[in-house]
């Protein structure tokens, strides 16, 4: 019992926090404390029944660490808070496991990198799609093929969210980073991992709930289509909620909507094995999304590509 790794978790009431809590339990670590701004009495009671202390801030968690020596803090807070919270943990020599994205800008990414370089602690991020069996198989298939032509790829992600999603921090581009940082970053990460760096792109549409981006990689031309559908509007039309993920590569489609149940646990296991994804691993997709958004905000993008898709 005394050798268990000790964890704190920020953002315990957030959407993704339960997956982190389950992962911490699955690796037989000890979740010592959690923090959020809005615990009610029932939530506090539930955590306390599991010997998990409830706190109101990262500052309180740092004080907890000073007396109880946490090994890791997992960060599940709104995106715009990640960078400063990561740096605070590093300044106190606490290892960090942070949900995507680590940062919403290249300058903030550089701040994290600089802080990590002088800290005894390390930063890891969650790139769970790299552990998805379908994605692993796809990468093996693509890398085993030798083709002089670039692959033609369509990536579709459609999901449903209620009005509370759009009225929360996720509905603010300043806080979420927009649809590419909130949803697209996982997909751009695996596209770069499988097909190489981006050489060109063209933004057809970029809004709070929709992205349509043409991207040319070293080994592929990709059309990314992301749609976040309104639960309320679907209900009005008598339609069911939507969740769908698929790749179409050179005309062959495969779906990967399922298979996400244990990916956070695999991510945590990888970190403990010394194979976790680092700031440098995360930087590729963050830099590319930042570049796409900068060009879009300027009102210009690169030349059109993928004319035949």
C-alpha atoms as a PDB file:
ATOM      1  CA  UNK A   1       0.000   0.000   0.000  1.00  0.00           C
ATOM      2  CA  UNK A   2       2.807   2.404   0.897  1.00  0.00           C
ATOM      3  CA  UNK A   3       4.389   2.071  -2.555  1.00  0.00           C
ATOM      4  CA  UNK A   4       1.327   3.193  -4.488  1.00  0.00           C
ATOM      5  CA  UNK A   5       1.742   6.237  -6.699  1.00  0.00           C
ATOM      6  CA  UNK A   6      -0.165   9.211  -5.330  1.00  0.00           C
ATOM      7  CA  UNK A   7      -2.323  11.331  -7.629  1.00  0.00           C
ATOM      8  CA  UNK A   8      -4.217  14.582  -7.437  1.00  0.00           C
ATOM      9  CA  UNK A   9      -6.781  15.529 -10.088  1.00  0.00           C
ATOM     10  CA  UNK A  10      -7.894  18.993 -11.211  1.00  0.00           C
ATOM     11  CA  UNK A  11     -11.335  19.447 -12.748  1.00  0.00           C
ATOM     12  CA  UNK A  12     -12.976  16.475 -11.041  1.00  0.00           C
ATOM     13  CA  UNK A  13     -16.496  17.365 -12.178  1.00  0.00           C
ATOM     14  CA  UNK A  14     -15.619  17.768 -15.832  1.00  0.00           C
ATOM     15  CA  UNK A  15     -16.785  15.590 -18.729  1.00  0.00           C
ATOM     16  CA  UNK A  16     -13.509  13.698 -19.139  1.00  0.00           C
ATOM     17  CA  UNK A  17     -12.531  13.367 -15.452  1.00  0.00           C
ATOM     18  CA  UNK A  18     -14.265   9.979 -14.884  1.00  0.00           C
ATOM     19  CA  UNK A  19     -12.013   8.363 -17.501  1.00  0.00           C
ATOM     20  CA  UNK A  20      -8.939   9.663 -15.694  1.00  0.00           C
ATOM     21  CA  UNK A  21     -10.263   8.546 -12.307  1.00  0.00           C
ATOM     22  CA  UNK A  22     -10.951   5.088 -13.719  1.00  0.00           C
ATOM     23  CA  UNK A  23      -7.458   4.959 -15.255  1.00  0.00           C
ATOM     24  CA  UNK A  24      -5.865   5.921 -11.923  1.00  0.00           C
ATOM     25  CA  UNK A  25      -7.832   3.121 -10.242  1.00  0.00           C
ATOM     26  CA  UNK A  26      -6.938   0.652 -12.999  1.00  0.00           C
ATOM     27  CA  UNK A  27      -3.196   1.217 -12.572  1.00  0.00           C
ATOM     28  CA  UNK A  28      -3.600   0.600  -8.819  1.00  0.00           C
ATOM     29  CA  UNK A  29      -2.539   4.119  -7.910  1.00  0.00           C
ATOM     30  CA  UNK A  30      -3.948   6.141  -5.036  1.00  0.00           C
ATOM     31  CA  UNK A  31      -6.117   9.148  -5.873  1.00  0.00           C
ATOM     32  CA  UNK A  32      -5.482  11.298  -2.817  1.00  0.00           C
ATOM     33  CA  UNK A  33      -7.296  14.526  -3.675  1.00  0.00           C
ATOM     34  CA  UNK A  34      -9.475  16.180  -6.296  1.00  0.00           C
ATOM     35  CA  UNK A  35     -10.239  19.808  -7.035  1.00  0.00           C
ATOM     36  CA  UNK A  36     -13.129  21.678  -8.599  1.00  0.00           C
ATOM     37  CA  UNK A  37     -15.014  24.906  -8.049  1.00  0.00           C
ATOM     38  CA  UNK A  38     -18.533  23.527  -7.715  1.00  0.00           C
ATOM     39  CA  UNK A  39     -18.616  20.494  -5.430  1.00  0.00           C
ATOM     40  CA  UNK A  40     -21.984  20.032  -3.758  1.00  0.00           C
ATOM     41  CA  UNK A  41     -22.356  18.243  -0.441  1.00  0.00           C
ATOM     42  CA  UNK A  42     -23.297  14.911  -2.054  1.00  0.00           C
ATOM     43  CA  UNK A  43     -20.252  14.977  -4.343  1.00  0.00           C
ATOM     44  CA  UNK A  44     -17.951  15.812  -1.447  1.00  0.00           C
ATOM     45  CA  UNK A  45     -19.452  12.979   0.567  1.00  0.00           C
ATOM     46  CA  UNK A  46     -18.927  10.514  -2.280  1.00  0.00           C
ATOM     47  CA  UNK A  47     -15.255  11.403  -2.672  1.00  0.00           C
ATOM     48  CA  UNK A  48     -14.649  11.423   1.072  1.00  0.00           C
ATOM     49  CA  UNK A  49     -16.221   7.965   1.357  1.00  0.00           C
ATOM     50  CA  UNK A  50     -13.347   6.795  -0.863  1.00  0.00           C
ATOM     51  CA  UNK A  51     -10.746   8.642   1.266  1.00  0.00           C
ATOM     52  CA  UNK A  52     -10.294  11.272  -1.447  1.00  0.00           C
ATOM     53  CA  UNK A  53      -9.999  14.831  -0.167  1.00  0.00           C
ATOM     54  CA  UNK A  54     -11.958  17.546  -2.016  1.00  0.00           C
ATOM     55  CA  UNK A  55     -10.225  20.872  -2.622  1.00  0.00           C
ATOM     56  CA  UNK A  56     -11.202  24.175  -4.220  1.00  0.00           C
ATOM     57  CA  UNK A  57      -8.085  25.110  -6.188  1.00  0.00           C
ATOM     58  CA  UNK A  58      -4.688  24.126  -7.526  1.00  0.00           C
ATOM     59  CA  UNK A  59      -3.152  26.260  -4.777  1.00  0.00           C
ATOM     60  CA  UNK A  60      -4.805  24.033  -2.172  1.00  0.00           C
ATOM     61  CA  UNK A  61      -3.542  20.980  -4.020  1.00  0.00           C
ATOM     62  CA  UNK A  62       0.004  22.331  -3.935  1.00  0.00           C
ATOM     63  CA  UNK A  63      -0.328  22.736  -0.173  1.00  0.00           C
ATOM     64  CA  UNK A  64      -1.627  19.156   0.004  1.00  0.00           C
ATOM     65  CA  UNK A  65       1.406  18.042  -2.011  1.00  0.00           C
ATOM     66  CA  UNK A  66       3.786  19.801   0.358  1.00  0.00           C
ATOM     67  CA  UNK A  67       2.620  17.593   3.209  1.00  0.00           C
ATOM     68  CA  UNK A  68       1.724  14.411   1.293  1.00  0.00           C
ATOM     69  CA  UNK A  69       4.124  14.400  -1.692  1.00  0.00           C
ATOM     70  CA  UNK A  70       1.971  13.759  -4.760  1.00  0.00           C
ATOM     71  CA  UNK A  71       3.652  11.925  -7.656  1.00  0.00           C
ATOM     72  CA  UNK A  72       1.311  13.202 -10.378  1.00  0.00           C
ATOM     73  CA  UNK A  73      -1.423  15.743 -10.914  1.00  0.00           C
ATOM     74  CA  UNK A  74      -3.897  14.955 -13.686  1.00  0.00           C
ATOM     75  CA  UNK A  75      -5.382  18.043 -15.343  1.00  0.00           C
ATOM     76  CA  UNK A  76      -8.949  17.849 -16.682  1.00  0.00           C
ATOM     77  CA  UNK A  77      -9.828  21.540 -16.534  1.00  0.00           C
ATOM     78  CA  UNK A  78     -10.989  23.888 -19.338  1.00  0.00           C
ATOM     79  CA  UNK A  79      -8.446  24.150 -22.139  1.00  0.00           C
ATOM     80  CA  UNK A  80      -7.406  27.758 -21.558  1.00  0.00           C
ATOM     81  CA  UNK A  81      -6.277  26.931 -18.008  1.00  0.00           C
ATOM     82  CA  UNK A  82      -3.917  24.107 -18.938  1.00  0.00           C
ATOM     83  CA  UNK A  83      -0.709  26.018 -19.600  1.00  0.00           C
ATOM     84  CA  UNK A  84      -0.578  27.980 -16.337  1.00  0.00           C
ATOM     85  CA  UNK A  85      -1.638  24.955 -14.295  1.00  0.00           C
ATOM     86  CA  UNK A  86       1.022  22.782 -15.920  1.00  0.00           C
ATOM     87  CA  UNK A  87       3.689  25.387 -15.185  1.00  0.00           C
ATOM     88  CA  UNK A  88       2.590  25.685 -11.542  1.00  0.00           C
ATOM     89  CA  UNK A  89       2.918  21.916 -11.147  1.00  0.00           C
ATOM     90  CA  UNK A  90       6.357  21.928 -12.777  1.00  0.00           C
ATOM     91  CA  UNK A  91       7.520  24.742 -10.521  1.00  0.00           C
ATOM     92  CA  UNK A  92       6.619  22.487  -7.588  1.00  0.00           C
ATOM     93  CA  UNK A  93       8.289  19.441  -9.176  1.00  0.00           C
ATOM     94  CA  UNK A  94       5.055  17.506  -9.653  1.00  0.00           C
ATOM     95  CA  UNK A  95       4.676  15.341 -12.746  1.00  0.00           C
ATOM     96  CA  UNK A  96       1.695  16.244 -14.932  1.00  0.00           C
ATOM     97  CA  UNK A  97      -0.728  14.206 -17.015  1.00  0.00           C
ATOM     98  CA  UNK A  98      -2.789  16.728 -18.955  1.00  0.00           C
ATOM     99  CA  UNK A  99      -5.776  16.286 -21.216  1.00  0.00           C
ATOM    100  CA  UNK A 100      -5.490  17.735 -24.693  1.00  0.00           C
ATOM    101  CA  UNK A 101      -4.491  20.340 -25.588  1.00  0.00           C
ATOM    102  CA  UNK A 102      -1.443  21.210 -23.509  1.00  0.00           C
ATOM    103  CA  UNK A 103      -1.638  24.751 -24.871  1.00  0.00           C
ATOM    104  CA  UNK A 104      -3.703  26.906 -27.214  1.00  0.00           C
ATOM    105  CA  UNK A 105      -0.745  28.666 -28.809  1.00  0.00           C
ATOM    106  CA  UNK A 106       2.850  28.048 -29.804  1.00  0.00           C
ATOM    107  CA  UNK A 107       4.022  30.713 -27.345  1.00  0.00           C
ATOM    108  CA  UNK A 108       2.294  28.918 -24.451  1.00  0.00           C
ATOM    109  CA  UNK A 109       3.795  25.637 -25.635  1.00  0.00           C
ATOM    110  CA  UNK A 110       7.222  27.271 -25.468  1.00  0.00           C
ATOM    111  CA  UNK A 111       6.485  28.443 -21.910  1.00  0.00           C
ATOM    112  CA  UNK A 112       5.734  24.849 -20.905  1.00  0.00           C
ATOM    113  CA  UNK A 113       8.857  23.580 -22.611  1.00  0.00           C
ATOM    114  CA  UNK A 114      11.002  26.189 -20.840  1.00  0.00           C
ATOM    115  CA  UNK A 115       9.468  25.415 -17.444  1.00  0.00           C
ATOM    116  CA  UNK A 116       9.909  21.676 -17.897  1.00  0.00           C
ATOM    117  CA  UNK A 117      13.585  22.132 -18.788  1.00  0.00           C
ATOM    118  CA  UNK A 118      14.373  23.488 -15.311  1.00  0.00           C
ATOM    119  CA  UNK A 119      12.023  21.217 -13.346  1.00  0.00           C
ATOM    120  CA  UNK A 120      12.603  17.801 -11.827  1.00  0.00           C
ATOM    121  CA  UNK A 121       9.133  16.846 -13.105  1.00  0.00           C
ATOM    122  CA  UNK A 122       7.808  15.882 -16.533  1.00  0.00           C
ATOM    123  CA  UNK A 123       4.699  16.660 -18.591  1.00  0.00           C
ATOM    124  CA  UNK A 124       2.678  14.019 -20.408  1.00  0.00           C
ATOM    125  CA  UNK A 125      -0.430  14.400 -22.523  1.00  0.00           C
ATOM    126  CA  UNK A 126      -3.274  12.116 -23.521  1.00  0.00           C
ATOM    127  CA  UNK A 127      -3.269  10.987 -27.151  1.00  0.00           C
ATOM    128  CA  UNK A 128      -5.602   8.053 -26.667  1.00  0.00           C
ATOM    129  CA  UNK A 129      -6.413   7.490 -30.340  1.00  0.00           C
ATOM    130  CA  UNK A 130      -2.879   6.205 -30.853  1.00  0.00           C
ATOM    131  CA  UNK A 131      -3.871   3.232 -28.683  1.00  0.00           C
ATOM    132  CA  UNK A 132      -7.077   2.489 -30.595  1.00  0.00           C
ATOM    133  CA  UNK A 133      -6.785  -0.943 -32.194  1.00  0.00           C
ATOM    134  CA  UNK A 134      -8.278   0.230 -35.507  1.00  0.00           C
ATOM    135  CA  UNK A 135      -5.842   3.134 -35.718  1.00  0.00           C
ATOM    136  CA  UNK A 136      -2.884   0.887 -34.879  1.00  0.00           C
ATOM    137  CA  UNK A 137      -3.949  -1.506 -37.648  1.00  0.00           C
ATOM    138  CA  UNK A 138      -4.439   1.370 -40.069  1.00  0.00           C
ATOM    139  CA  UNK A 139      -0.935   2.684 -39.408  1.00  0.00           C
ATOM    140  CA  UNK A 140       0.536  -0.783 -39.934  1.00  0.00           C
ATOM    141  CA  UNK A 141      -1.336  -1.165 -43.209  1.00  0.00           C
ATOM    142  CA  UNK A 142      -0.291   2.254 -44.518  1.00  0.00           C
ATOM    143  CA  UNK A 143       3.366   1.957 -43.514  1.00  0.00           C
ATOM    144  CA  UNK A 144       3.599  -1.513 -45.077  1.00  0.00           C
ATOM    145  CA  UNK A 145       2.409  -0.196 -48.437  1.00  0.00           C
ATOM    146  CA  UNK A 146       4.775   1.300 -50.969  1.00  0.00           C
ATOM    147  CA  UNK A 147       3.065   3.769 -53.266  1.00  0.00           C
ATOM    148  CA  UNK A 148       4.368   6.627 -55.366  1.00  0.00           C
ATOM    149  CA  UNK A 149       0.925   8.261 -55.237  1.00  0.00           C
ATOM    150  CA  UNK A 150      -0.372  10.055 -52.189  1.00  0.00           C
ATOM    151  CA  UNK A 151      -3.250   8.388 -50.396  1.00  0.00           C
ATOM    152  CA  UNK A 152      -6.616  10.098 -50.738  1.00  0.00           C
ATOM    153  CA  UNK A 153      -8.267  10.264 -47.329  1.00  0.00           C
ATOM    154  CA  UNK A 154     -11.580  11.481 -45.941  1.00  0.00           C
ATOM    155  CA  UNK A 155     -11.935  11.683 -42.166  1.00  0.00           C
ATOM    156  CA  UNK A 156     -15.431  12.188 -40.749  1.00  0.00           C
ATOM    157  CA  UNK A 157     -16.283  12.870 -37.121  1.00  0.00           C
ATOM    158  CA  UNK A 158     -19.873  13.653 -36.184  1.00  0.00           C
ATOM    159  CA  UNK A 159     -21.084  13.968 -32.618  1.00  0.00           C
ATOM    160  CA  UNK A 160     -23.975  15.434 -30.632  1.00  0.00           C
ATOM    161  CA  UNK A 161     -23.901  17.964 -27.819  1.00  0.00           C
ATOM    162  CA  UNK A 162     -26.649  19.703 -25.851  1.00  0.00           C
ATOM    163  CA  UNK A 163     -27.149  23.420 -25.288  1.00  0.00           C
ATOM    164  CA  UNK A 164     -25.159  23.229 -22.053  1.00  0.00           C
ATOM    165  CA  UNK A 165     -22.084  22.397 -24.110  1.00  0.00           C
ATOM    166  CA  UNK A 166     -22.352  25.534 -26.223  1.00  0.00           C
ATOM    167  CA  UNK A 167     -23.179  27.752 -23.222  1.00  0.00           C
ATOM    168  CA  UNK A 168     -20.177  26.468 -21.250  1.00  0.00           C
ATOM    169  CA  UNK A 169     -16.501  27.314 -21.704  1.00  0.00           C
ATOM    170  CA  UNK A 170     -16.474  24.935 -24.684  1.00  0.00           C
ATOM    171  CA  UNK A 171     -18.680  27.398 -26.546  1.00  0.00           C
ATOM    172  CA  UNK A 172     -16.058  30.140 -26.206  1.00  0.00           C
ATOM    173  CA  UNK A 173     -13.211  30.057 -28.708  1.00  0.00           C
ATOM    174  CA  UNK A 174     -11.017  32.003 -26.269  1.00  0.00           C
ATOM    175  CA  UNK A 175     -11.425  29.264 -23.672  1.00  0.00           C
ATOM    176  CA  UNK A 176     -11.734  26.090 -25.741  1.00  0.00           C
ATOM    177  CA  UNK A 177      -9.507  27.162 -28.618  1.00  0.00           C
ATOM    178  CA  UNK A 178     -12.279  26.408 -31.096  1.00  0.00           C
ATOM    179  CA  UNK A 179     -13.436  23.233 -32.778  1.00  0.00           C
ATOM    180  CA  UNK A 180      -9.995  22.147 -33.960  1.00  0.00           C
ATOM    181  CA  UNK A 181      -8.458  22.328 -30.493  1.00  0.00           C
ATOM    182  CA  UNK A 182     -11.546  20.873 -28.794  1.00  0.00           C
ATOM    183  CA  UNK A 183     -12.266  18.044 -31.253  1.00  0.00           C
ATOM    184  CA  UNK A 184      -9.856  18.067 -34.173  1.00  0.00           C
ATOM    185  CA  UNK A 185      -6.544  17.806 -32.331  1.00  0.00           C
ATOM    186  CA  UNK A 186      -6.770  14.034 -31.783  1.00  0.00           C
ATOM    187  CA  UNK A 187      -7.459  13.442 -35.461  1.00  0.00           C
ATOM    188  CA  UNK A 188      -4.756  15.775 -36.710  1.00  0.00           C
ATOM    189  CA  UNK A 189      -2.310  14.064 -34.355  1.00  0.00           C
ATOM    190  CA  UNK A 190      -2.964  10.620 -35.815  1.00  0.00           C
ATOM    191  CA  UNK A 191      -2.966  11.972 -39.376  1.00  0.00           C
ATOM    192  CA  UNK A 192       0.491  13.476 -38.833  1.00  0.00           C
ATOM    193  CA  UNK A 193       1.645  10.285 -37.114  1.00  0.00           C
ATOM    194  CA  UNK A 194       0.482   8.093 -40.003  1.00  0.00           C
ATOM    195  CA  UNK A 195       0.881  10.291 -43.081  1.00  0.00           C
ATOM    196  CA  UNK A 196       3.655  12.717 -42.128  1.00  0.00           C
ATOM    197  CA  UNK A 197       3.937  16.462 -41.738  1.00  0.00           C
ATOM    198  CA  UNK A 198       1.576  18.967 -43.332  1.00  0.00           C
ATOM    199  CA  UNK A 199       2.823  20.760 -46.435  1.00  0.00           C
ATOM    200  CA  UNK A 200      -0.345  22.614 -47.449  1.00  0.00           C
ATOM    201  CA  UNK A 201      -3.909  23.256 -46.332  1.00  0.00           C
ATOM    202  CA  UNK A 202      -7.100  25.046 -47.269  1.00  0.00           C
ATOM    203  CA  UNK A 203      -9.927  25.913 -44.872  1.00  0.00           C
ATOM    204  CA  UNK A 204     -13.373  25.635 -46.432  1.00  0.00           C
ATOM    205  CA  UNK A 205     -15.307  26.181 -43.194  1.00  0.00           C
ATOM    206  CA  UNK A 206     -14.387  26.810 -39.572  1.00  0.00           C
ATOM    207  CA  UNK A 207     -17.022  27.644 -36.970  1.00  0.00           C
ATOM    208  CA  UNK A 208     -18.010  26.774 -33.425  1.00  0.00           C
ATOM    209  CA  UNK A 209     -19.651  23.521 -34.488  1.00  0.00           C
ATOM    210  CA  UNK A 210     -18.208  22.694 -37.909  1.00  0.00           C
ATOM    211  CA  UNK A 211     -14.819  22.304 -39.561  1.00  0.00           C
ATOM    212  CA  UNK A 212     -14.099  21.419 -43.167  1.00  0.00           C
ATOM    213  CA  UNK A 213     -10.388  21.516 -43.876  1.00  0.00           C
ATOM    214  CA  UNK A 214      -8.323  20.170 -46.765  1.00  0.00           C
ATOM    215  CA  UNK A 215      -4.820  19.148 -45.688  1.00  0.00           C
ATOM    216  CA  UNK A 216      -1.913  17.822 -47.687  1.00  0.00           C
ATOM    217  CA  UNK A 217       0.529  15.591 -45.794  1.00  0.00           C
ATOM    218  CA  UNK A 218       3.777  14.063 -46.991  1.00  0.00           C
ATOM    219  CA  UNK A 219       1.959  10.855 -47.944  1.00  0.00           C
ATOM    220  CA  UNK A 220      -1.711  11.806 -48.198  1.00  0.00           C
ATOM    221  CA  UNK A 221      -4.282  14.362 -49.230  1.00  0.00           C
ATOM    222  CA  UNK A 222      -6.920  14.568 -46.507  1.00  0.00           C
ATOM    223  CA  UNK A 223     -10.364  16.074 -46.198  1.00  0.00           C
ATOM    224  CA  UNK A 224     -11.329  16.519 -42.529  1.00  0.00           C
ATOM    225  CA  UNK A 225     -15.020  17.011 -41.790  1.00  0.00           C
ATOM    226  CA  UNK A 226     -16.083  17.604 -38.185  1.00  0.00           C
ATOM    227  CA  UNK A 227     -19.684  18.311 -37.217  1.00  0.00           C
ATOM    228  CA  UNK A 228     -21.044  18.948 -33.724  1.00  0.00           C
ATOM    229  CA  UNK A 229     -24.822  18.571 -33.935  1.00  0.00           C
ATOM    230  CA  UNK A 230     -27.361  20.102 -31.581  1.00  0.00           C
ATOM    231  CA  UNK A 231     -29.140  17.540 -29.406  1.00  0.00           C
ATOM    232  CA  UNK A 232     -32.151  19.800 -29.099  1.00  0.00           C
ATOM    233  CA  UNK A 233     -32.479  20.347 -32.855  1.00  0.00           C
ATOM    234  CA  UNK A 234     -32.168  16.642 -33.563  1.00  0.00           C
ATOM    235  CA  UNK A 235     -34.917  15.967 -31.016  1.00  0.00           C
ATOM    236  CA  UNK A 236     -37.170  18.554 -32.653  1.00  0.00           C
ATOM    237  CA  UNK A 237     -36.715  16.764 -35.968  1.00  0.00           C
ATOM    238  CA  UNK A 238     -37.426  13.397 -34.365  1.00  0.00           C
ATOM    239  CA  UNK A 239     -33.888  12.173 -35.003  1.00  0.00           C
ATOM    240  CA  UNK A 240     -31.578  10.247 -32.695  1.00  0.00           C
ATOM    241  CA  UNK A 241     -28.287  11.569 -31.390  1.00  0.00           C
ATOM    242  CA  UNK A 242     -25.296  11.013 -33.646  1.00  0.00           C
ATOM    243  CA  UNK A 243     -21.839   9.618 -32.924  1.00  0.00           C
ATOM    244  CA  UNK A 244     -19.752   8.535 -35.888  1.00  0.00           C
ATOM    245  CA  UNK A 245     -16.040   8.305 -36.716  1.00  0.00           C
ATOM    246  CA  UNK A 246     -14.677   6.969 -39.986  1.00  0.00           C
ATOM    247  CA  UNK A 247     -11.751   6.996 -42.369  1.00  0.00           C
ATOM    248  CA  UNK A 248     -12.117   6.510 -46.103  1.00  0.00           C
ATOM    249  CA  UNK A 249      -8.741   5.765 -47.688  1.00  0.00           C
ATOM    250  CA  UNK A 250      -8.475   5.416 -51.453  1.00  0.00           C
ATOM    251  CA  UNK A 251     -12.206   4.653 -51.570  1.00  0.00           C
ATOM    252  CA  UNK A 252     -12.260   2.061 -48.772  1.00  0.00           C
ATOM    253  CA  UNK A 253     -14.119   3.134 -45.644  1.00  0.00           C
ATOM    254  CA  UNK A 254     -13.708   1.830 -42.118  1.00  0.00           C
ATOM    255  CA  UNK A 255     -15.485   3.030 -39.028  1.00  0.00           C
ATOM    256  CA  UNK A 256     -13.908   3.432 -35.598  1.00  0.00           C
ATOM    257  CA  UNK A 257     -16.788   4.799 -33.543  1.00  0.00           C
ATOM    258  CA  UNK A 258     -16.392   2.199 -30.775  1.00  0.00           C
ATOM    259  CA  UNK A 259     -13.409   0.831 -28.909  1.00  0.00           C
ATOM    260  CA  UNK A 260     -12.692   3.833 -26.691  1.00  0.00           C
ATOM    261  CA  UNK A 261     -13.483   2.330 -23.283  1.00  0.00           C
ATOM    262  CA  UNK A 262      -9.980   1.603 -21.974  1.00  0.00           C
ATOM    263  CA  UNK A 263      -7.818   4.011 -23.960  1.00  0.00           C
ATOM    264  CA  UNK A 264      -7.133   6.345 -21.021  1.00  0.00           C
ATOM    265  CA  UNK A 265      -5.967   3.389 -18.957  1.00  0.00           C
ATOM    266  CA  UNK A 266      -3.617   2.391 -21.784  1.00  0.00           C
ATOM    267  CA  UNK A 267      -2.360   5.987 -21.860  1.00  0.00           C
ATOM    268  CA  UNK A 268      -1.583   5.930 -18.135  1.00  0.00           C
ATOM    269  CA  UNK A 269       0.082   2.527 -18.399  1.00  0.00           C
ATOM    270  CA  UNK A 270       2.271   3.842 -21.204  1.00  0.00           C
ATOM    271  CA  UNK A 271       3.351   6.807 -19.075  1.00  0.00           C
ATOM    272  CA  UNK A 272       4.339   4.547 -16.189  1.00  0.00           C
ATOM    273  CA  UNK A 273       6.295   2.358 -18.636  1.00  0.00           C
ATOM    274  CA  UNK A 274       8.314   5.399 -19.697  1.00  0.00           C
ATOM    275  CA  UNK A 275       6.597   5.622 -23.098  1.00  0.00           C
ATOM    276  CA  UNK A 276       4.220   8.515 -22.452  1.00  0.00           C
ATOM    277  CA  UNK A 277       3.596  11.261 -24.980  1.00  0.00           C
ATOM    278  CA  UNK A 278       5.676  14.347 -24.255  1.00  0.00           C
ATOM    279  CA  UNK A 279       5.494  18.066 -24.964  1.00  0.00           C
ATOM    280  CA  UNK A 280       7.391  17.459 -28.200  1.00  0.00           C
ATOM    281  CA  UNK A 281       4.904  14.777 -29.257  1.00  0.00           C
ATOM    282  CA  UNK A 282       2.018  17.168 -28.610  1.00  0.00           C
ATOM    283  CA  UNK A 283       3.688  20.102 -30.329  1.00  0.00           C
ATOM    284  CA  UNK A 284       3.164  18.870 -33.902  1.00  0.00           C
ATOM    285  CA  UNK A 285      -0.636  19.051 -33.866  1.00  0.00           C
ATOM    286  CA  UNK A 286      -0.726  22.206 -31.706  1.00  0.00           C
ATOM    287  CA  UNK A 287       1.597  24.062 -34.084  1.00  0.00           C
ATOM    288  CA  UNK A 288      -0.387  22.957 -37.123  1.00  0.00           C
ATOM    289  CA  UNK A 289      -3.772  23.923 -35.683  1.00  0.00           C
ATOM    290  CA  UNK A 290      -2.341  27.290 -34.640  1.00  0.00           C
ATOM    291  CA  UNK A 291      -1.101  27.823 -38.188  1.00  0.00           C
ATOM    292  CA  UNK A 292      -4.457  26.865 -39.708  1.00  0.00           C
ATOM    293  CA  UNK A 293      -6.351  29.190 -37.382  1.00  0.00           C
ATOM    294  CA  UNK A 294      -3.911  32.066 -37.946  1.00  0.00           C
ATOM    295  CA  UNK A 295      -4.363  31.810 -41.712  1.00  0.00           C
ATOM    296  CA  UNK A 296      -8.138  31.534 -41.355  1.00  0.00           C
ATOM    297  CA  UNK A 297      -8.306  34.622 -39.132  1.00  0.00           C
ATOM    298  CA  UNK A 298      -6.269  36.549 -41.688  1.00  0.00           C
ATOM    299  CA  UNK A 299      -8.952  35.725 -44.233  1.00  0.00           C
ATOM    300  CA  UNK A 300      -6.632  33.707 -46.403  1.00  0.00           C
ATOM    301  CA  UNK A 301      -5.489  30.126 -46.700  1.00  0.00           C
ATOM    302  CA  UNK A 302      -3.096  28.325 -48.953  1.00  0.00           C
ATOM    303  CA  UNK A 303      -3.966  27.293 -52.486  1.00  0.00           C
ATOM    304  CA  UNK A 304      -6.871  24.841 -52.947  1.00  0.00           C
ATOM    305  CA  UNK A 305      -5.941  21.164 -52.843  1.00  0.00           C
ATOM    306  CA  UNK A 306      -7.745  17.829 -53.131  1.00  0.00           C
ATOM    307  CA  UNK A 307      -9.773  19.001 -56.094  1.00  0.00           C
ATOM    308  CA  UNK A 308     -10.747  15.420 -56.882  1.00  0.00           C
ATOM    309  CA  UNK A 309     -12.161  14.587 -53.422  1.00  0.00           C
END
